[in-house]
PDB file of all heavy atoms in Angstrom:
ATOM      1  N   VAL A   1      66.681  86.946 152.009  1.00  0.00           N
ATOM      2  CA  VAL A   1      68.136  86.858 152.004  1.00  0.00           C
ATOM      3  C   VAL A   1      68.583  85.504 151.439  1.00  0.00           C
ATOM      4  O   VAL A   1      69.568  85.415 150.702  1.00  0.00           O
ATOM      5  CB  VAL A   1      68.704  87.088 153.417  1.00  0.00           C
ATOM      6  CG1 VAL A   1      70.222  86.916 153.432  1.00  0.00           C
ATOM      7  CG2 VAL A   1      68.337  88.491 153.915  1.00  0.00           C
ATOM      8  N   GLY A   2      67.838  84.461 151.783  1.00  0.00           N
ATOM      9  CA  GLY A   2      68.136  83.156 151.202  1.00  0.00           C
ATOM     10  C   GLY A   2      68.029  83.170 149.688  1.00  0.00           C
ATOM     11  O   GLY A   2      68.840  82.543 148.985  1.00  0.00           O
ATOM     12  N   GLU A   3      67.054  83.898 149.187  1.00  0.00           N
ATOM     13  CA  GLU A   3      66.910  84.055 147.738  1.00  0.00           C
ATOM     14  C   GLU A   3      68.137  84.754 147.162  1.00  0.00           C
ATOM     15  O   GLU A   3      68.641  84.380 146.100  1.00  0.00           O
ATOM     16  CB  GLU A   3      65.641  84.867 147.454  1.00  0.00           C
ATOM     17  CG  GLU A   3      65.222  84.921 146.009  1.00  0.00           C
ATOM     18  CD  GLU A   3      63.912  85.667 145.837  1.00  0.00           C
ATOM     19  OE1 GLU A   3      63.773  86.781 146.391  1.00  0.00           O
ATOM     20  OE2 GLU A   3      63.021  85.144 145.142  1.00  0.00           O
ATOM     21  N   GLY A   4      68.641  85.758 147.875  1.00  0.00           N
ATOM     22  CA  GLY A   4      69.850  86.434 147.432  1.00  0.00           C
ATOM     23  C   GLY A   4      71.050  85.506 147.419  1.00  0.00           C
ATOM     24  O   GLY A   4      71.913  85.595 146.544  1.00  0.00           O
ATOM     25  N   CYS A   5      71.095  84.595 148.381  1.00  0.00           N
ATOM     26  CA  CYS A   5      72.209  83.647 148.463  1.00  0.00           C
ATOM     27  C   CYS A   5      72.106  82.544 147.412  1.00  0.00           C
ATOM     28  O   CYS A   5      73.058  81.777 147.231  1.00  0.00           O
ATOM     29  CB  CYS A   5      72.267  83.019 149.860  1.00  0.00           C
ATOM     30  SG  CYS A   5      72.782  84.159 151.149  1.00  0.00           S
ATOM     31  N   ARG A   6      70.966  82.457 146.742  1.00  0.00           N
ATOM     32  CA  ARG A   6      70.816  81.507 145.630  1.00  0.00           C
ATOM     33  C   ARG A   6      70.990  82.181 144.276  1.00  0.00           C
ATOM     34  O   ARG A   6      70.954  81.521 143.241  1.00  0.00           O
ATOM     35  CB  ARG A   6      69.442  80.829 145.697  1.00  0.00           C
ATOM     36  CG  ARG A   6      69.250  79.920 146.886  1.00  0.00           C
ATOM     37  CD  ARG A   6      67.938  79.162 146.820  1.00  0.00           C
ATOM     38  NE  ARG A   6      66.770  80.029 146.985  1.00  0.00           N
ATOM     39  CZ  ARG A   6      66.252  80.372 148.154  1.00  0.00           C
ATOM     40  NH1 ARG A   6      66.799  79.927 149.271  1.00  0.00           N
ATOM     41  NH2 ARG A   6      65.194  81.159 148.223  1.00  0.00           N
ATOM     42  N   SER A   7      71.194  83.493 144.285  1.00  0.00           N
ATOM     43  CA  SER A   7      71.292  84.243 143.042  1.00  0.00           C
ATOM     44  C   SER A   7      72.581  83.920 142.284  1.00  0.00           C
ATOM     45  O   SER A   7      73.634  83.672 142.883  1.00  0.00           O
ATOM     46  CB  SER A   7      71.256  85.744 143.337  1.00  0.00           C
ATOM     47  OG  SER A   7      71.452  86.495 142.156  1.00  0.00           O
ATOM     48  N   ASN A   8      72.482  83.929 140.964  1.00  0.00           N
ATOM     49  CA  ASN A   8      73.670  83.782 140.128  1.00  0.00           C
ATOM     50  C   ASN A   8      74.336  85.121 139.833  1.00  0.00           C
ATOM     51  O   ASN A   8      75.374  85.155 139.173  1.00  0.00           O
ATOM     52  CB  ASN A   8      73.300  83.090 138.810  1.00  0.00           C
ATOM     53  CG  ASN A   8      72.957  81.627 139.009  1.00  0.00           C
ATOM     54  OD1 ASN A   8      73.580  80.939 139.809  1.00  0.00           O
ATOM     55  ND2 ASN A   8      71.955  81.148 138.287  1.00  0.00           N
ATOM     56  N   MET A   9      73.725  86.206 140.307  1.00  0.00           N
ATOM     57  CA  MET A   9      74.331  87.533 140.145  1.00  0.00           C
ATOM     58  C   MET A   9      75.275  87.768 141.312  1.00  0.00           C
ATOM     59  O   MET A   9      74.845  87.833 142.466  1.00  0.00           O
ATOM     60  CB  MET A   9      73.246  88.602 140.088  1.00  0.00           C
ATOM     61  CG  MET A   9      72.370  88.515 138.861  1.00  0.00           C
ATOM     62  SD  MET A   9      71.122  89.846 138.761  1.00  0.00           S
ATOM     63  CE  MET A   9      69.974  89.319 140.049  1.00  0.00           C
ATOM     64  N   ARG A  10      76.533  87.903 141.003  1.00  0.00           N
ATOM     65  CA  ARG A  10      77.523  88.021 142.070  1.00  0.00           C
ATOM     66  C   ARG A  10      77.272  89.234 142.957  1.00  0.00           C
ATOM     67  O   ARG A  10      77.449  89.159 144.181  1.00  0.00           O
ATOM     68  CB  ARG A  10      78.934  88.081 141.476  1.00  0.00           C
ATOM     69  CG  ARG A  10      80.015  88.241 142.522  1.00  0.00           C
ATOM     70  CD  ARG A  10      81.397  88.049 141.962  1.00  0.00           C
ATOM     71  NE  ARG A  10      82.407  88.443 142.943  1.00  0.00           N
ATOM     72  CZ  ARG A  10      83.716  88.240 142.777  1.00  0.00           C
ATOM     73  NH1 ARG A  10      84.169  87.666 141.691  1.00  0.00           N
ATOM     74  NH2 ARG A  10      84.573  88.643 143.713  1.00  0.00           N
ATOM     75  N   THR A  11      76.854  90.352 142.366  1.00  0.00           N
ATOM     76  CA  THR A  11      76.613  91.544 143.176  1.00  0.00           C
ATOM     77  C   THR A  11      75.527  91.289 144.223  1.00  0.00           C
ATOM     78  O   THR A  11      75.650  91.706 145.376  1.00  0.00           O
ATOM     79  CB  THR A  11      76.189  92.720 142.290  1.00  0.00           C
ATOM     80  OG1 THR A  11      75.070  92.330 141.467  1.00  0.00           O
ATOM     81  CG2 THR A  11      77.323  93.174 141.401  1.00  0.00           C
ATOM     82  N   VAL A  12      74.474  90.605 143.815  1.00  0.00           N
ATOM     83  CA  VAL A  12      73.380  90.305 144.741  1.00  0.00           C
ATOM     84  C   VAL A  12      73.829  89.287 145.774  1.00  0.00           C
ATOM     85  O   VAL A  12      73.554  89.434 146.974  1.00  0.00           O
ATOM     86  CB  VAL A  12      72.145  89.799 143.963  1.00  0.00           C
ATOM     87  CG1 VAL A  12      71.074  89.292 144.924  1.00  0.00           C
ATOM     88  CG2 VAL A  12      71.584  90.910 143.084  1.00  0.00           C
ATOM     89  N   PHE A  13      74.533  88.253 145.322  1.00  0.00           N
ATOM     90  CA  PHE A  13      75.001  87.239 146.277  1.00  0.00           C
ATOM     91  C   PHE A  13      75.899  87.856 147.340  1.00  0.00           C
ATOM     92  O   PHE A  13      75.729  87.607 148.542  1.00  0.00           O
ATOM     93  CB  PHE A  13      75.750  86.114 145.563  1.00  0.00           C
ATOM     94  CG  PHE A  13      76.320  85.104 146.531  1.00  0.00           C
ATOM     95  CD1 PHE A  13      75.560  84.028 146.961  1.00  0.00           C
ATOM     96  CD2 PHE A  13      77.597  85.260 147.062  1.00  0.00           C
ATOM     97  CE1 PHE A  13      76.051  83.128 147.888  1.00  0.00           C
ATOM     98  CE2 PHE A  13      78.102  84.368 147.996  1.00  0.00           C
ATOM     99  CZ  PHE A  13      77.328  83.298 148.406  1.00  0.00           C
ATOM    100  N   GLU A  14      76.869  88.652 146.912  1.00  0.00           N
ATOM    101  CA  GLU A  14      77.797  89.246 147.887  1.00  0.00           C
ATOM    102  C   GLU A  14      77.072  90.170 148.855  1.00  0.00           C
ATOM    103  O   GLU A  14      77.380  90.191 150.046  1.00  0.00           O
ATOM    104  CB  GLU A  14      78.918  89.998 147.166  1.00  0.00           C
ATOM    105  CG  GLU A  14      79.910  89.085 146.474  1.00  0.00           C
ATOM    106  CD  GLU A  14      81.181  89.814 146.057  1.00  0.00           C
ATOM    107  OE1 GLU A  14      81.494  90.865 146.655  1.00  0.00           O
ATOM    108  OE2 GLU A  14      81.865  89.327 145.137  1.00  0.00           O
ATOM    109  N   ALA A  15      76.104  90.915 148.362  1.00  0.00           N
ATOM    110  CA  ALA A  15      75.355  91.812 149.248  1.00  0.00           C
ATOM    111  C   ALA A  15      74.569  91.025 150.283  1.00  0.00           C
ATOM    112  O   ALA A  15      74.408  91.461 151.429  1.00  0.00           O
ATOM    113  CB  ALA A  15      74.410  92.686 148.424  1.00  0.00           C
ATOM    114  N   ALA A  16      74.086  89.846 149.898  1.00  0.00           N
ATOM    115  CA  ALA A  16      73.300  89.020 150.819  1.00  0.00           C
ATOM    116  C   ALA A  16      74.177  88.252 151.797  1.00  0.00           C
ATOM    117  O   ALA A  16      73.819  88.109 152.977  1.00  0.00           O
ATOM    118  CB  ALA A  16      72.437  88.047 150.023  1.00  0.00           C
ATOM    119  N   ALA A  17      75.327  87.757 151.332  1.00  0.00           N
ATOM    120  CA  ALA A  17      76.079  86.777 152.110  1.00  0.00           C
ATOM    121  C   ALA A  17      77.383  87.275 152.714  1.00  0.00           C
ATOM    122  O   ALA A  17      77.855  86.700 153.703  1.00  0.00           O
ATOM    123  CB  ALA A  17      76.384  85.554 151.228  1.00  0.00           C
ATOM    124  N   CYS A  18      77.990  88.287 152.136  1.00  0.00           N
ATOM    125  CA  CYS A  18      79.342  88.684 152.546  1.00  0.00           C
ATOM    126  C   CYS A  18      79.330  89.954 153.401  1.00  0.00           C
ATOM    127  O   CYS A  18      78.504  90.841 153.208  1.00  0.00           O
ATOM    128  CB  CYS A  18      80.211  88.926 151.313  1.00  0.00           C
ATOM    129  SG  CYS A  18      80.436  87.470 150.271  1.00  0.00           S
ATOM    130  N   ASP A  19      80.261  89.999 154.348  1.00  0.00           N
ATOM    131  CA  ASP A  19      80.498  91.204 155.157  1.00  0.00           C
ATOM    132  C   ASP A  19      79.295  91.599 155.997  1.00  0.00           C
ATOM    133  O   ASP A  19      79.108  92.772 156.327  1.00  0.00           O
ATOM    134  CB  ASP A  19      80.895  92.388 154.256  1.00  0.00           C
ATOM    135  CG  ASP A  19      82.090  92.075 153.375  1.00  0.00           C
ATOM    136  OD1 ASP A  19      82.976  91.335 153.833  1.00  0.00           O
ATOM    137  OD2 ASP A  19      82.131  92.552 152.232  1.00  0.00           O
ATOM    138  N   THR A  20      78.471  90.634 156.339  1.00  0.00           N
ATOM    139  CA  THR A  20      77.266  90.882 157.118  1.00  0.00           C
ATOM    140  C   THR A  20      77.094  89.777 158.160  1.00  0.00           C
ATOM    141  O   THR A  20      77.468  88.622 157.894  1.00  0.00           O
ATOM    142  CB  THR A  20      76.022  90.922 156.201  1.00  0.00           C
ATOM    143  OG1 THR A  20      74.832  90.953 157.006  1.00  0.00           O
ATOM    144  CG2 THR A  20      75.947  89.698 155.302  1.00  0.00           C
ATOM    145  N   PRO A  21      76.528  90.095 159.309  1.00  0.00           N
ATOM    146  CA  PRO A  21      76.282  89.056 160.308  1.00  0.00           C
ATOM    147  C   PRO A  21      74.985  88.284 160.071  1.00  0.00           C
ATOM    148  O   PRO A  21      74.622  87.430 160.874  1.00  0.00           O
ATOM    149  CB  PRO A  21      76.200  89.859 161.611  1.00  0.00           C
ATOM    150  CG  PRO A  21      75.630  91.178 161.190  1.00  0.00           C
ATOM    151  CD  PRO A  21      76.232  91.455 159.827  1.00  0.00           C
ATOM    152  N   TYR A  22      74.292  88.578 158.961  1.00  0.00           N
ATOM    153  CA  TYR A  22      72.950  87.999 158.786  1.00  0.00           C
ATOM    154  C   TYR A  22      72.978  86.474 158.777  1.00  0.00           C
ATOM    155  O   TYR A  22      72.195  85.819 159.472  1.00  0.00           O
ATOM    156  CB  TYR A  22      72.291  88.511 157.501  1.00  0.00           C
ATOM    157  CG  TYR A  22      70.789  88.272 157.518  1.00  0.00           C
ATOM    158  CD1 TYR A  22      69.915  89.276 157.904  1.00  0.00           C
ATOM    159  CD2 TYR A  22      70.239  87.024 157.192  1.00  0.00           C
ATOM    160  CE1 TYR A  22      68.548  89.063 157.965  1.00  0.00           C
ATOM    161  CE2 TYR A  22      68.883  86.800 157.248  1.00  0.00           C
ATOM    162  CZ  TYR A  22      68.041  87.821 157.647  1.00  0.00           C
ATOM    163  OH  TYR A  22      66.688  87.579 157.725  1.00  0.00           O
ATOM    164  N   LEU A  23      73.867  85.886 157.994  1.00  0.00           N
ATOM    165  CA  LEU A  23      73.857  84.423 157.854  1.00  0.00           C
ATOM    166  C   LEU A  23      74.178  83.730 159.165  1.00  0.00           C
ATOM    167  O   LEU A  23      73.510  82.754 159.544  1.00  0.00           O
ATOM    168  CB  LEU A  23      74.852  83.989 156.769  1.00  0.00           C
ATOM    169  CG  LEU A  23      74.329  83.964 155.332  1.00  0.00           C
ATOM    170  CD1 LEU A  23      73.882  85.346 154.882  1.00  0.00           C
ATOM    171  CD2 LEU A  23      75.384  83.412 154.379  1.00  0.00           C
ATOM    172  N   GLU A  24      75.191  84.216 159.888  1.00  0.00           N
ATOM    173  CA  GLU A  24      75.559  83.539 161.125  1.00  0.00           C
ATOM    174  C   GLU A  24      74.505  83.720 162.203  1.00  0.00           C
ATOM    175  O   GLU A  24      74.407  82.904 163.120  1.00  0.00           O
ATOM    176  CB  GLU A  24      76.932  84.009 161.616  1.00  0.00           C
ATOM    177  CG  GLU A  24      77.040  85.468 161.969  1.00  0.00           C
ATOM    178  CD  GLU A  24      78.435  85.846 162.469  1.00  0.00           C
ATOM    179  OE1 GLU A  24      79.108  84.984 163.063  1.00  0.00           O
ATOM    180  OE2 GLU A  24      78.847  87.004 162.266  1.00  0.00           O
ATOM    181  N   ARG A  25      73.683  84.756 162.092  1.00  0.00           N
ATOM    182  CA  ARG A  25      72.645  84.989 163.099  1.00  0.00           C
ATOM    183  C   ARG A  25      71.345  84.245 162.800  1.00  0.00           C
ATOM    184  O   ARG A  25      70.668  83.773 163.711  1.00  0.00           O
ATOM    185  CB  ARG A  25      72.336  86.481 163.209  1.00  0.00           C
ATOM    186  CG  ARG A  25      73.450  87.298 163.826  1.00  0.00           C
ATOM    187  CD  ARG A  25      72.980  88.714 164.113  1.00  0.00           C
ATOM    188  NE  ARG A  25      74.044  89.513 164.725  1.00  0.00           N
ATOM    189  CZ  ARG A  25      73.853  90.698 165.286  1.00  0.00           C
ATOM    190  NH1 ARG A  25      72.633  91.231 165.307  1.00  0.00           N
ATOM    191  NH2 ARG A  25      74.859  91.362 165.813  1.00  0.00           N
ATOM    192  N   TYR A  26      71.001  84.147 161.505  1.00  0.00           N
ATOM    193  CA  TYR A  26      69.640  83.716 161.177  1.00  0.00           C
ATOM    194  C   TYR A  26      69.541  82.472 160.295  1.00  0.00           C
ATOM    195  O   TYR A  26      68.441  81.939 160.143  1.00  0.00           O
ATOM    196  CB  TYR A  26      68.887  84.873 160.501  1.00  0.00           C
ATOM    197  CG  TYR A  26      68.843  86.118 161.341  1.00  0.00           C
ATOM    198  CD1 TYR A  26      69.505  87.287 160.944  1.00  0.00           C
ATOM    199  CD2 TYR A  26      68.158  86.142 162.556  1.00  0.00           C
ATOM    200  CE1 TYR A  26      69.470  88.432 161.720  1.00  0.00           C
ATOM    201  CE2 TYR A  26      68.128  87.286 163.343  1.00  0.00           C
ATOM    202  CZ  TYR A  26      68.781  88.424 162.909  1.00  0.00           C
ATOM    203  OH  TYR A  26      68.746  89.551 163.697  1.00  0.00           O
ATOM    204  N   PHE A  27      70.630  82.001 159.707  1.00  0.00           N
ATOM    205  CA  PHE A  27      70.566  80.826 158.838  1.00  0.00           C
ATOM    206  C   PHE A  27      70.776  79.554 159.645  1.00  0.00           C
ATOM    207  O   PHE A  27      71.607  79.520 160.569  1.00  0.00           O
ATOM    208  CB  PHE A  27      71.646  80.904 157.753  1.00  0.00           C
ATOM    209  CG  PHE A  27      71.217  81.642 156.512  1.00  0.00           C
ATOM    210  CD1 PHE A  27      70.257  82.642 156.559  1.00  0.00           C
ATOM    211  CD2 PHE A  27      71.779  81.347 155.291  1.00  0.00           C
ATOM    212  CE1 PHE A  27      69.863  83.326 155.418  1.00  0.00           C
ATOM    213  CE2 PHE A  27      71.407  82.019 154.140  1.00  0.00           C
ATOM    214  CZ  PHE A  27      70.443  83.003 154.201  1.00  0.00           C
ATOM    215  N   ASP A  28      70.053  78.495 159.278  1.00  0.00           N
ATOM    216  CA  ASP A  28      70.332  77.193 159.879  1.00  0.00           C
ATOM    217  C   ASP A  28      71.563  76.599 159.194  1.00  0.00           C
ATOM    218  O   ASP A  28      72.090  77.146 158.212  1.00  0.00           O
ATOM    219  CB  ASP A  28      69.121  76.258 159.787  1.00  0.00           C
ATOM    220  CG  ASP A  28      68.668  75.996 158.350  1.00  0.00           C
ATOM    221  OD1 ASP A  28      69.491  76.062 157.418  1.00  0.00           O
ATOM    222  OD2 ASP A  28      67.471  75.703 158.164  1.00  0.00           O
ATOM    223  N   ASP A  29      72.039  75.468 159.713  1.00  0.00           N
ATOM    224  CA  ASP A  29      73.294  74.898 159.217  1.00  0.00           C
ATOM    225  C   ASP A  29      73.221  74.556 157.729  1.00  0.00           C
ATOM    226  O   ASP A  29      74.170  74.806 156.978  1.00  0.00           O
ATOM    227  CB  ASP A  29      73.660  73.643 160.013  1.00  0.00           C
ATOM    228  CG  ASP A  29      74.083  73.957 161.441  1.00  0.00           C
ATOM    229  OD1 ASP A  29      74.425  75.117 161.709  1.00  0.00           O
ATOM    230  OD2 ASP A  29      74.052  73.036 162.287  1.00  0.00           O
TER     231      ASP A  29
END
């Protein structure tokens, strides 16, 4: 998921980072 959040492809970035609880649950600050 971190790899997705580093992607320059907006579709991939949004799927990884937006509208999901993943980052707030599993990412460090």
